[in-house]
Amino acid sequence: MEALLDFWYAYSATLAFGLVNSLFALSMYSVLSAGILSFTTVVFAAVGGFAAAQMMGTFGLPLWLAVVIAGLLGGLASAIIAALFLKLETHWMALASLALILISRVVVLNTPSLTGGVMGMVVPVRASVLELAVLLAIVSLVFFRLHKSWYGLAIRAVREDAAAASTMGVSARQIQMIAFLISGVVGGLAGAAMATTLQYISADTFYLGVAFTMIASTVLGGSFFWFGPIVGAFVFTALPTITQAVLPEIQDIAKGVVLLVIMIYLPRGLIDPRARGLRKAARQRQQSALNGSDAVEARPGSSTAGHAHD
């Protein structure tokens, strides 16, 4: 029992940040699954994080109500940004989103009444690991249902070929707008989860480091299925803890090495349902070929059967 308690005390923080990073990765996955490379999740998270901190610290709202408000405000911010950014090409959108992160940091630093400015904000409420797990479970259930809905089919068609999807009556812009809205809501929830996990947020909390973490988690786990970013987030979060315990000298190098290995040998990430389906289909074809050859050999008129008769 003591060993379990020691393990929990040692790694509960890693588990909590794995849950939070999973929300960030799912927000990134939402736009990436629509063929959009955008880092605006960081901005949505900043809106949600500071809003949740104000709701709980200034107005005394309970945790879950503040989290819901953070998600709604993140969705509102995404609607405004999407209306502007969807006019850009993918590479320009990526650059614009990075520029927006820099702008948002300046805004945070210069609005002390809302964000605490350079001093940041203390968050009076701490979310437990169970509460974070429940939040991630709810968001995961939504992505699971979306994957099997008409929206899931449409967004996969838009990602593969937007022009071909439009010929089938699928509006690429409408699907991408929905993807942005989902990313905004989940990003706002992620910001609130980060704020209530750290219990302190500042301009540096929602900056380029978060952008790197969420894109790395999504690529590592797989950006072609909603469960991939969750796996990638936990692997990416646990990797520094494991390397620090084994070889602390290579802690920073290990992240880069793992990402390079995954991108070279598993370009679609750790979770890839299509690759699993292709392997299953190949095994079925091979089994069918073997069964067909056995049937030919066993046929009475075949040469093999004739030799056996002689």
C-alpha atoms as a PDB file:
ATOM      1  CA  MET A   1       0.000   0.000   0.000  1.00  0.00           C
ATOM      2  CA  GLU A   2       2.817   2.382   0.873  1.00  0.00           C
ATOM      3  CA  ALA A   3       4.472   1.646  -2.461  1.00  0.00           C
ATOM      4  CA  LEU A   4       1.279   2.628  -4.291  1.00  0.00           C
ATOM      5  CA  LEU A   5       1.017   5.833  -2.292  1.00  0.00           C
ATOM      6  CA  ASP A   6       4.649   6.676  -3.001  1.00  0.00           C
ATOM      7  CA  PHE A   7       4.088   6.032  -6.705  1.00  0.00           C
ATOM      8  CA  TRP A   8       0.991   8.251  -6.678  1.00  0.00           C
ATOM      9  CA  TYR A   9       2.771  11.103  -4.906  1.00  0.00           C
ATOM     10  CA  ALA A  10       5.676  10.831  -7.317  1.00  0.00           C
ATOM     11  CA  TYR A  11       3.716  10.691 -10.565  1.00  0.00           C
ATOM     12  CA  SER A  12       0.311  12.287  -9.865  1.00  0.00           C
ATOM     13  CA  ALA A  13       1.575  15.623 -11.204  1.00  0.00           C
ATOM     14  CA  THR A  14       2.742  13.915 -14.411  1.00  0.00           C
ATOM     15  CA  LEU A  15      -0.689  12.325 -14.797  1.00  0.00           C
ATOM     16  CA  ALA A  16      -2.411  15.676 -14.240  1.00  0.00           C
ATOM     17  CA  PHE A  17      -0.295  17.417 -16.878  1.00  0.00           C
ATOM     18  CA  GLY A  18      -0.849  14.481 -19.226  1.00  0.00           C
ATOM     19  CA  LEU A  19      -4.601  15.063 -18.926  1.00  0.00           C
ATOM     20  CA  VAL A  20      -4.209  18.805 -19.503  1.00  0.00           C
ATOM     21  CA  ASN A  21      -1.878  18.325 -22.485  1.00  0.00           C
ATOM     22  CA  SER A  22      -4.395  15.857 -23.940  1.00  0.00           C
ATOM     23  CA  LEU A  23      -6.971  18.649 -24.072  1.00  0.00           C
ATOM     24  CA  PHE A  24      -4.471  20.922 -25.820  1.00  0.00           C
ATOM     25  CA  ALA A  25      -3.639  18.158 -28.302  1.00  0.00           C
ATOM     26  CA  LEU A  26      -7.321  17.478 -29.043  1.00  0.00           C
ATOM     27  CA  SER A  27      -7.866  21.168 -29.715  1.00  0.00           C
ATOM     28  CA  MET A  28      -4.948  21.096 -32.137  1.00  0.00           C
ATOM     29  CA  TYR A  29      -6.242  17.881 -33.693  1.00  0.00           C
ATOM     30  CA  SER A  30      -9.620  19.488 -34.376  1.00  0.00           C
ATOM     31  CA  VAL A  31      -8.199  21.979 -36.876  1.00  0.00           C
ATOM     32  CA  LEU A  32      -5.456  19.681 -38.150  1.00  0.00           C
ATOM     33  CA  SER A  33      -8.038  17.035 -39.040  1.00  0.00           C
ATOM     34  CA  ALA A  34      -9.616  19.608 -41.368  1.00  0.00           C
ATOM     35  CA  GLY A  35      -6.317  20.153 -43.160  1.00  0.00           C
ATOM     36  CA  ILE A  36      -5.524  23.374 -41.278  1.00  0.00           C
ATOM     37  CA  LEU A  37      -2.187  24.044 -39.578  1.00  0.00           C
ATOM     38  CA  SER A  38      -2.981  26.646 -36.940  1.00  0.00           C
ATOM     39  CA  PHE A  39      -1.548  27.309 -33.484  1.00  0.00           C
ATOM     40  CA  THR A  40      -4.456  29.481 -32.364  1.00  0.00           C
ATOM     41  CA  THR A  41      -5.262  26.946 -29.627  1.00  0.00           C
ATOM     42  CA  VAL A  42      -2.738  28.826 -27.484  1.00  0.00           C
ATOM     43  CA  VAL A  43      -4.813  31.992 -27.834  1.00  0.00           C
ATOM     44  CA  PHE A  44      -8.062  30.156 -27.070  1.00  0.00           C
ATOM     45  CA  ALA A  45      -6.400  28.633 -24.002  1.00  0.00           C
ATOM     46  CA  ALA A  46      -5.237  32.056 -22.825  1.00  0.00           C
ATOM     47  CA  VAL A  47      -8.784  33.392 -23.123  1.00  0.00           C
ATOM     48  CA  GLY A  48     -10.184  30.401 -21.243  1.00  0.00           C
ATOM     49  CA  GLY A  49      -7.442  30.328 -18.627  1.00  0.00           C
ATOM     50  CA  PHE A  50      -7.631  33.988 -17.622  1.00  0.00           C
ATOM     51  CA  ALA A  51     -11.430  33.957 -17.810  1.00  0.00           C
ATOM     52  CA  ALA A  52     -11.612  30.955 -15.469  1.00  0.00           C
ATOM     53  CA  ALA A  53      -9.142  32.594 -13.091  1.00  0.00           C
ATOM     54  CA  GLN A  54     -11.261  35.758 -12.985  1.00  0.00           C
ATOM     55  CA  MET A  55     -14.513  33.814 -12.570  1.00  0.00           C
ATOM     56  CA  MET A  56     -13.192  31.866  -9.598  1.00  0.00           C
ATOM     57  CA  GLY A  57     -10.934  34.499  -8.041  1.00  0.00           C
ATOM     58  CA  THR A  58     -12.997  37.671  -8.479  1.00  0.00           C
ATOM     59  CA  PHE A  59     -16.567  36.399  -8.657  1.00  0.00           C
ATOM     60  CA  GLY A  60     -16.196  33.224  -6.597  1.00  0.00           C
ATOM     61  CA  LEU A  61     -17.812  30.898  -9.134  1.00  0.00           C
ATOM     62  CA  PRO A  62     -17.434  27.139  -8.636  1.00  0.00           C
ATOM     63  CA  LEU A  63     -14.891  25.225 -10.665  1.00  0.00           C
ATOM     64  CA  TRP A  64     -17.173  23.539 -13.197  1.00  0.00           C
ATOM     65  CA  LEU A  65     -19.179  26.679 -13.962  1.00  0.00           C
ATOM     66  CA  ALA A  66     -15.949  28.608 -14.529  1.00  0.00           C
ATOM     67  CA  VAL A  67     -14.690  25.836 -16.829  1.00  0.00           C
ATOM     68  CA  VAL A  68     -17.898  25.932 -18.885  1.00  0.00           C
ATOM     69  CA  ILE A  69     -17.646  29.722 -19.246  1.00  0.00           C
ATOM     70  CA  ALA A  70     -14.000  29.351 -20.293  1.00  0.00           C
ATOM     71  CA  GLY A  71     -15.016  26.900 -23.016  1.00  0.00           C
ATOM     72  CA  LEU A  72     -17.757  29.208 -24.303  1.00  0.00           C
ATOM     73  CA  LEU A  73     -15.414  32.198 -24.421  1.00  0.00           C
ATOM     74  CA  GLY A  74     -12.807  30.101 -26.216  1.00  0.00           C
ATOM     75  CA  GLY A  75     -15.459  29.170 -28.782  1.00  0.00           C
ATOM     76  CA  LEU A  76     -16.424  32.839 -29.207  1.00  0.00           C
ATOM     77  CA  ALA A  77     -12.782  33.798 -29.760  1.00  0.00           C
ATOM     78  CA  SER A  78     -12.408  31.004 -32.318  1.00  0.00           C
ATOM     79  CA  ALA A  79     -15.469  32.223 -34.266  1.00  0.00           C
ATOM     80  CA  ILE A  80     -13.922  35.686 -34.589  1.00  0.00           C
ATOM     81  CA  ILE A  81     -10.484  34.378 -35.529  1.00  0.00           C
ATOM     82  CA  ALA A  82     -11.839  31.791 -37.971  1.00  0.00           C
ATOM     83  CA  ALA A  83     -13.773  34.467 -39.869  1.00  0.00           C
ATOM     84  CA  LEU A  84     -10.436  36.165 -40.562  1.00  0.00           C
ATOM     85  CA  PHE A  85      -8.013  33.265 -40.818  1.00  0.00           C
ATOM     86  CA  LEU A  86     -10.019  31.001 -43.121  1.00  0.00           C
ATOM     87  CA  LYS A  87      -9.365  33.482 -45.915  1.00  0.00           C
ATOM     88  CA  LEU A  88      -5.649  32.603 -45.762  1.00  0.00           C
ATOM     89  CA  GLU A  89      -3.739  29.734 -47.310  1.00  0.00           C
ATOM     90  CA  THR A  90      -2.469  27.032 -44.956  1.00  0.00           C
ATOM     91  CA  HIS A  91       1.139  28.232 -44.673  1.00  0.00           C
ATOM     92  CA  TRP A  92       0.065  31.851 -44.202  1.00  0.00           C
ATOM     93  CA  MET A  93      -2.444  30.724 -41.589  1.00  0.00           C
ATOM     94  CA  ALA A  94       0.298  28.983 -39.613  1.00  0.00           C
ATOM     95  CA  LEU A  95       2.441  32.133 -39.672  1.00  0.00           C
ATOM     96  CA  ALA A  96      -0.545  34.320 -38.778  1.00  0.00           C
ATOM     97  CA  SER A  97      -1.414  32.091 -35.829  1.00  0.00           C
ATOM     98  CA  LEU A  98       2.148  32.343 -34.496  1.00  0.00           C
ATOM     99  CA  ALA A  99       1.981  36.114 -34.880  1.00  0.00           C
ATOM    100  CA  LEU A 100      -1.321  36.094 -32.998  1.00  0.00           C
ATOM    101  CA  ILE A 101       0.342  34.253 -30.104  1.00  0.00           C
ATOM    102  CA  LEU A 102       2.960  37.010 -29.899  1.00  0.00           C
ATOM    103  CA  ILE A 103       0.250  39.679 -30.022  1.00  0.00           C
ATOM    104  CA  SER A 104      -1.799  37.951 -27.324  1.00  0.00           C
ATOM    105  CA  ARG A 105       1.240  37.896 -25.027  1.00  0.00           C
ATOM    106  CA  VAL A 106       1.620  41.659 -25.412  1.00  0.00           C
ATOM    107  CA  VAL A 107      -2.085  42.105 -24.673  1.00  0.00           C
ATOM    108  CA  VAL A 108      -1.805  39.971 -21.528  1.00  0.00           C
ATOM    109  CA  LEU A 109       1.172  41.979 -20.301  1.00  0.00           C
ATOM    110  CA  ASN A 110      -0.610  45.301 -20.850  1.00  0.00           C
ATOM    111  CA  THR A 111      -4.021  44.508 -19.331  1.00  0.00           C
ATOM    112  CA  PRO A 112      -3.213  44.032 -15.637  1.00  0.00           C
ATOM    113  CA  SER A 113      -6.834  44.521 -14.574  1.00  0.00           C
ATOM    114  CA  LEU A 114      -7.834  41.386 -16.506  1.00  0.00           C
ATOM    115  CA  THR A 115      -4.696  39.256 -16.474  1.00  0.00           C
ATOM    116  CA  GLY A 116      -2.484  40.576 -13.693  1.00  0.00           C
ATOM    117  CA  GLY A 117      -0.014  41.950 -16.222  1.00  0.00           C
ATOM    118  CA  VAL A 118       3.621  41.067 -15.602  1.00  0.00           C
ATOM    119  CA  MET A 119       2.733  39.730 -12.129  1.00  0.00           C
ATOM    120  CA  GLY A 120       0.274  37.149 -13.435  1.00  0.00           C
ATOM    121  CA  MET A 121      -2.694  35.775 -11.530  1.00  0.00           C
ATOM    122  CA  VAL A 122      -3.075  33.354  -8.668  1.00  0.00           C
ATOM    123  CA  VAL A 123      -5.875  30.820  -9.191  1.00  0.00           C
ATOM    124  CA  PRO A 124      -7.566  30.032  -5.853  1.00  0.00           C
ATOM    125  CA  VAL A 125      -9.038  26.678  -6.920  1.00  0.00           C
ATOM    126  CA  ARG A 126      -7.112  23.522  -7.771  1.00  0.00           C
ATOM    127  CA  ALA A 127      -8.610  20.842 -10.000  1.00  0.00           C
ATOM    128  CA  SER A 128      -8.030  17.281  -8.836  1.00  0.00           C
ATOM    129  CA  VAL A 129      -6.771  14.533 -11.122  1.00  0.00           C
ATOM    130  CA  LEU A 130     -10.240  12.961 -11.030  1.00  0.00           C
ATOM    131  CA  GLU A 131     -11.891  16.205 -12.147  1.00  0.00           C
ATOM    132  CA  LEU A 132      -9.387  16.568 -14.993  1.00  0.00           C
ATOM    133  CA  ALA A 133     -10.005  12.950 -15.980  1.00  0.00           C
ATOM    134  CA  VAL A 134     -13.771  13.535 -16.046  1.00  0.00           C
ATOM    135  CA  LEU A 135     -13.300  16.629 -18.218  1.00  0.00           C
ATOM    136  CA  LEU A 136     -11.086  14.724 -20.662  1.00  0.00           C
ATOM    137  CA  ALA A 137     -13.553  11.821 -20.721  1.00  0.00           C
ATOM    138  CA  ILE A 138     -16.418  14.172 -21.666  1.00  0.00           C
ATOM    139  CA  VAL A 139     -14.373  15.804 -24.437  1.00  0.00           C
ATOM    140  CA  SER A 140     -13.203  12.393 -25.691  1.00  0.00           C
ATOM    141  CA  LEU A 141     -16.799  11.165 -25.842  1.00  0.00           C
ATOM    142  CA  VAL A 142     -17.693  14.168 -28.008  1.00  0.00           C
ATOM    143  CA  PHE A 143     -14.821  13.434 -30.404  1.00  0.00           C
ATOM    144  CA  PHE A 144     -15.791   9.762 -30.490  1.00  0.00           C
ATOM    145  CA  ARG A 145     -19.361  10.627 -31.490  1.00  0.00           C
ATOM    146  CA  LEU A 146     -18.178  13.218 -34.020  1.00  0.00           C
ATOM    147  CA  HIS A 147     -15.834  10.700 -35.644  1.00  0.00           C
ATOM    148  CA  LYS A 148     -18.775   8.406 -36.397  1.00  0.00           C
ATOM    149  CA  SER A 149     -21.144  11.188 -37.515  1.00  0.00           C
ATOM    150  CA  TRP A 150     -21.661  12.909 -40.871  1.00  0.00           C
ATOM    151  CA  TYR A 151     -19.222  15.546 -39.693  1.00  0.00           C
ATOM    152  CA  GLY A 152     -16.513  12.921 -39.247  1.00  0.00           C
ATOM    153  CA  LEU A 153     -17.026  11.670 -42.796  1.00  0.00           C
ATOM    154  CA  ALA A 154     -17.095  15.202 -44.186  1.00  0.00           C
ATOM    155  CA  ILE A 155     -13.974  16.365 -42.379  1.00  0.00           C
ATOM    156  CA  ARG A 156     -11.998  13.332 -43.558  1.00  0.00           C
ATOM    157  CA  ALA A 157     -13.099  14.069 -47.120  1.00  0.00           C
ATOM    158  CA  VAL A 158     -12.066  17.722 -46.783  1.00  0.00           C
ATOM    159  CA  ARG A 159      -8.683  16.759 -45.380  1.00  0.00           C
ATOM    160  CA  GLU A 160      -7.930  14.293 -48.170  1.00  0.00           C
ATOM    161  CA  ASP A 161      -9.088  16.547 -51.022  1.00  0.00           C
ATOM    162  CA  ALA A 162     -11.130  19.675 -50.428  1.00  0.00           C
ATOM    163  CA  ALA A 163     -11.848  20.128 -54.148  1.00  0.00           C
ATOM    164  CA  ALA A 164     -13.148  16.583 -54.521  1.00  0.00           C
ATOM    165  CA  ALA A 165     -15.233  16.977 -51.353  1.00  0.00           C
ATOM    166  CA  SER A 166     -16.853  20.125 -52.730  1.00  0.00           C
ATOM    167  CA  THR A 167     -17.948  18.233 -55.860  1.00  0.00           C
ATOM    168  CA  MET A 168     -19.836  15.862 -53.561  1.00  0.00           C
ATOM    169  CA  GLY A 169     -21.695  18.734 -51.921  1.00  0.00           C
ATOM    170  CA  VAL A 170     -19.429  19.151 -48.883  1.00  0.00           C
ATOM    171  CA  SER A 171     -18.654  22.777 -48.049  1.00  0.00           C
ATOM    172  CA  ALA A 172     -14.988  22.858 -47.052  1.00  0.00           C
ATOM    173  CA  ARG A 173     -15.301  26.325 -45.512  1.00  0.00           C
ATOM    174  CA  GLN A 174     -18.275  25.288 -43.385  1.00  0.00           C
ATOM    175  CA  ILE A 175     -16.484  22.165 -42.143  1.00  0.00           C
ATOM    176  CA  GLN A 176     -13.341  24.161 -41.351  1.00  0.00           C
ATOM    177  CA  MET A 177     -15.418  26.738 -39.490  1.00  0.00           C
ATOM    178  CA  ILE A 178     -16.938  23.977 -37.346  1.00  0.00           C
ATOM    179  CA  ALA A 179     -13.447  22.569 -36.750  1.00  0.00           C
ATOM    180  CA  PHE A 180     -12.287  25.995 -35.557  1.00  0.00           C
ATOM    181  CA  LEU A 181     -15.264  26.328 -33.207  1.00  0.00           C
ATOM    182  CA  ILE A 182     -14.603  22.902 -31.690  1.00  0.00           C
ATOM    183  CA  SER A 183     -10.924  23.785 -31.336  1.00  0.00           C
ATOM    184  CA  GLY A 184     -11.852  27.033 -29.606  1.00  0.00           C
ATOM    185  CA  VAL A 185     -14.165  25.403 -27.081  1.00  0.00           C
ATOM    186  CA  VAL A 186     -11.701  22.617 -26.271  1.00  0.00           C
ATOM    187  CA  GLY A 187      -8.841  25.141 -26.182  1.00  0.00           C
ATOM    188  CA  GLY A 188     -10.750  27.261 -23.675  1.00  0.00           C
ATOM    189  CA  LEU A 189     -11.346  24.176 -21.534  1.00  0.00           C
ATOM    190  CA  ALA A 190      -7.644  23.327 -21.779  1.00  0.00           C
ATOM    191  CA  GLY A 191      -6.708  26.824 -20.623  1.00  0.00           C
ATOM    192  CA  ALA A 192      -9.013  26.542 -17.618  1.00  0.00           C
ATOM    193  CA  ALA A 193      -7.601  23.085 -16.838  1.00  0.00           C
ATOM    194  CA  MET A 194      -4.048  24.458 -17.035  1.00  0.00           C
ATOM    195  CA  ALA A 195      -4.921  27.387 -14.773  1.00  0.00           C
ATOM    196  CA  THR A 196      -6.504  25.189 -12.118  1.00  0.00           C
ATOM    197  CA  THR A 197      -3.621  22.719 -12.281  1.00  0.00           C
ATOM    198  CA  LEU A 198      -0.812  25.272 -11.955  1.00  0.00           C
ATOM    199  CA  GLN A 199      -2.874  27.607  -9.712  1.00  0.00           C
ATOM    200  CA  TYR A 200      -0.886  30.462 -11.233  1.00  0.00           C
ATOM    201  CA  ILE A 201      -0.903  31.804 -14.772  1.00  0.00           C
ATOM    202  CA  SER A 202       0.956  34.580 -16.549  1.00  0.00           C
ATOM    203  CA  ALA A 203       1.871  35.682 -20.050  1.00  0.00           C
ATOM    204  CA  ASP A 204       4.472  32.924 -20.218  1.00  0.00           C
ATOM    205  CA  THR A 205       1.950  30.184 -19.383  1.00  0.00           C
ATOM    206  CA  PHE A 206       0.273  30.387 -22.784  1.00  0.00           C
ATOM    207  CA  TYR A 207       3.182  30.955 -25.109  1.00  0.00           C
ATOM    208  CA  LEU A 208       5.251  29.163 -27.755  1.00  0.00           C
ATOM    209  CA  GLY A 209       6.174  26.275 -25.444  1.00  0.00           C
ATOM    210  CA  VAL A 210       2.523  25.226 -25.340  1.00  0.00           C
ATOM    211  CA  ALA A 211       2.339  25.411 -29.145  1.00  0.00           C
ATOM    212  CA  PHE A 212       5.311  23.070 -29.440  1.00  0.00           C
ATOM    213  CA  THR A 213       3.855  20.647 -26.881  1.00  0.00           C
ATOM    214  CA  MET A 214       0.486  20.354 -28.576  1.00  0.00           C
ATOM    215  CA  ILE A 215       1.797  19.920 -32.130  1.00  0.00           C
ATOM    216  CA  ALA A 216       4.401  17.410 -30.926  1.00  0.00           C
ATOM    217  CA  SER A 217       1.768  15.435 -29.003  1.00  0.00           C
ATOM    218  CA  THR A 218      -0.563  15.379 -32.001  1.00  0.00           C
ATOM    219  CA  VAL A 219       2.136  14.277 -34.450  1.00  0.00           C
ATOM    220  CA  LEU A 220       3.564  11.749 -32.008  1.00  0.00           C
ATOM    221  CA  GLY A 221       0.231  10.097 -31.231  1.00  0.00           C
ATOM    222  CA  GLY A 222      -1.246  10.410 -34.710  1.00  0.00           C
ATOM    223  CA  SER A 223      -3.297  13.172 -36.288  1.00  0.00           C
ATOM    224  CA  PHE A 224      -5.623  10.838 -38.237  1.00  0.00           C
ATOM    225  CA  PHE A 225      -7.671   9.563 -35.303  1.00  0.00           C
ATOM    226  CA  TRP A 226      -8.963  11.395 -32.226  1.00  0.00           C
ATOM    227  CA  PHE A 227      -7.395   8.949 -29.751  1.00  0.00           C
ATOM    228  CA  GLY A 228      -3.910   9.511 -31.166  1.00  0.00           C
ATOM    229  CA  PRO A 229      -3.364  12.999 -29.668  1.00  0.00           C
ATOM    230  CA  ILE A 230      -4.305  11.681 -26.216  1.00  0.00           C
ATOM    231  CA  VAL A 231      -1.733   8.881 -26.440  1.00  0.00           C
ATOM    232  CA  GLY A 232       0.852  11.300 -27.804  1.00  0.00           C
ATOM    233  CA  ALA A 233       0.192  13.808 -25.013  1.00  0.00           C
ATOM    234  CA  PHE A 234       0.721  11.205 -22.293  1.00  0.00           C
ATOM    235  CA  VAL A 235       3.862   9.842 -23.958  1.00  0.00           C
ATOM    236  CA  PHE A 236       5.272  13.336 -24.487  1.00  0.00           C
ATOM    237  CA  THR A 237       4.440  14.329 -20.899  1.00  0.00           C
ATOM    238  CA  ALA A 238       5.847  11.165 -19.324  1.00  0.00           C
ATOM    239  CA  LEU A 239       9.028  11.104 -21.434  1.00  0.00           C
ATOM    240  CA  PRO A 240      10.920  13.817 -19.458  1.00  0.00           C
ATOM    241  CA  THR A 241       9.976  12.155 -16.162  1.00  0.00           C
ATOM    242  CA  ILE A 242      11.233   8.766 -17.347  1.00  0.00           C
ATOM    243  CA  THR A 243      14.476  10.089 -18.836  1.00  0.00           C
ATOM    244  CA  GLN A 244      15.138  12.209 -15.753  1.00  0.00           C
ATOM    245  CA  ALA A 245      14.868   9.115 -13.587  1.00  0.00           C
ATOM    246  CA  VAL A 246      17.113   7.042 -15.872  1.00  0.00           C
ATOM    247  CA  LEU A 247      19.471   9.404 -17.684  1.00  0.00           C
ATOM    248  CA  PRO A 248      18.857  13.031 -16.664  1.00  0.00           C
ATOM    249  CA  GLU A 249      21.667  14.228 -18.953  1.00  0.00           C
ATOM    250  CA  ILE A 250      19.644  13.417 -22.099  1.00  0.00           C
ATOM    251  CA  GLN A 251      16.265  14.659 -20.899  1.00  0.00           C
ATOM    252  CA  ASP A 252      15.962  17.373 -23.559  1.00  0.00           C
ATOM    253  CA  ILE A 253      17.585  15.298 -26.290  1.00  0.00           C
ATOM    254  CA  ALA A 254      15.173  12.397 -25.739  1.00  0.00           C
ATOM    255  CA  LYS A 255      12.161  14.421 -26.899  1.00  0.00           C
ATOM    256  CA  GLY A 256      13.800  15.273 -30.199  1.00  0.00           C
ATOM    257  CA  VAL A 257      15.069  11.734 -30.765  1.00  0.00           C
ATOM    258  CA  VAL A 258      11.652  10.176 -30.109  1.00  0.00           C
ATOM    259  CA  LEU A 259       9.944  12.649 -32.440  1.00  0.00           C
ATOM    260  CA  LEU A 260      12.476  11.961 -35.212  1.00  0.00           C
ATOM    261  CA  VAL A 261      12.089   8.193 -34.857  1.00  0.00           C
ATOM    262  CA  ILE A 262       8.290   8.436 -34.920  1.00  0.00           C
ATOM    263  CA  MET A 263       8.257  10.740 -37.963  1.00  0.00           C
ATOM    264  CA  ILE A 264      10.696   8.518 -39.888  1.00  0.00           C
ATOM    265  CA  TYR A 265       9.301   5.082 -39.100  1.00  0.00           C
ATOM    266  CA  LEU A 266       5.687   5.938 -38.146  1.00  0.00           C
ATOM    267  CA  PRO A 267       4.850   9.041 -40.191  1.00  0.00           C
ATOM    268  CA  ARG A 268       1.152   8.747 -39.309  1.00  0.00           C
ATOM    269  CA  GLY A 269       1.853   8.484 -35.551  1.00  0.00           C
ATOM    270  CA  LEU A 270       1.478   5.791 -32.920  1.00  0.00           C
ATOM    271  CA  ILE A 271      -2.291   5.408 -33.459  1.00  0.00           C
ATOM    272  CA  ASP A 272      -3.218   4.825 -37.091  1.00  0.00           C
ATOM    273  CA  PRO A 273      -6.465   2.913 -37.722  1.00  0.00           C
ATOM    274  CA  ARG A 274      -5.919   2.994 -41.492  1.00  0.00           C
ATOM    275  CA  ALA A 275      -2.594   1.181 -41.231  1.00  0.00           C
ATOM    276  CA  ARG A 276      -4.203  -1.410 -38.963  1.00  0.00           C
ATOM    277  CA  GLY A 277      -7.010  -1.858 -41.480  1.00  0.00           C
ATOM    278  CA  LEU A 278      -4.550  -2.224 -44.357  1.00  0.00           C
ATOM    279  CA  ARG A 279      -2.598  -4.876 -42.456  1.00  0.00           C
ATOM    280  CA  LYS A 280      -5.834  -6.731 -41.670  1.00  0.00           C
ATOM    281  CA  ALA A 281      -6.923  -6.587 -45.319  1.00  0.00           C
ATOM    282  CA  ALA A 282      -3.501  -7.866 -46.431  1.00  0.00           C
ATOM    283  CA  ARG A 283      -3.756 -10.809 -44.025  1.00  0.00           C
ATOM    284  CA  GLN A 284      -7.247 -11.599 -45.304  1.00  0.00           C
ATOM    285  CA  ARG A 285      -6.055 -11.526 -48.913  1.00  0.00           C
ATOM    286  CA  GLN A 286      -3.144 -13.772 -48.046  1.00  0.00           C
ATOM    287  CA  GLN A 287      -5.447 -16.187 -46.219  1.00  0.00           C
ATOM    288  CA  SER A 288      -7.883 -16.170 -49.146  1.00  0.00           C
ATOM    289  CA  ALA A 289      -5.035 -16.922 -51.545  1.00  0.00           C
ATOM    290  CA  LEU A 290      -3.892 -19.854 -49.379  1.00  0.00           C
ATOM    291  CA  ASN A 291      -7.441 -21.199 -49.115  1.00  0.00           C
ATOM    292  CA  GLY A 292      -7.851 -20.878 -52.886  1.00  0.00           C
ATOM    293  CA  SER A 293      -4.623 -22.776 -53.583  1.00  0.00           C
ATOM    294  CA  ASP A 294      -5.654 -25.502 -51.147  1.00  0.00           C
ATOM    295  CA  ALA A 295      -9.013 -25.838 -52.901  1.00  0.00           C
ATOM    296  CA  VAL A 296      -7.324 -26.166 -56.306  1.00  0.00           C
ATOM    297  CA  GLU A 297      -4.974 -28.860 -55.029  1.00  0.00           C
ATOM    298  CA  ALA A 298      -7.862 -30.792 -53.494  1.00  0.00           C
ATOM    299  CA  ARG A 299     -10.003 -30.676 -56.686  1.00  0.00           C
ATOM    300  CA  PRO A 300     -10.463 -34.191 -58.225  1.00  0.00           C
ATOM    301  CA  GLY A 301      -9.407 -33.085 -61.693  1.00  0.00           C
ATOM    302  CA  SER A 302      -6.249 -31.299 -60.536  1.00  0.00           C
ATOM    303  CA  SER A 303      -2.792 -32.675 -61.219  1.00  0.00           C
ATOM    304  CA  THR A 304      -2.130 -33.119 -57.523  1.00  0.00           C
ATOM    305  CA  ALA A 305      -5.259 -35.215 -57.077  1.00  0.00           C
ATOM    306  CA  GLY A 306      -4.333 -37.295 -60.168  1.00  0.00           C
ATOM    307  CA  HIS A 307      -0.902 -38.099 -58.803  1.00  0.00           C
ATOM    308  CA  ALA A 308      -2.444 -39.083 -55.491  1.00  0.00           C
ATOM    309  CA  HIS A 309      -4.839 -41.448 -57.326  1.00  0.00           C
ATOM    310  CA  ASP A 310      -1.982 -43.116 -59.186  1.00  0.00           C
END
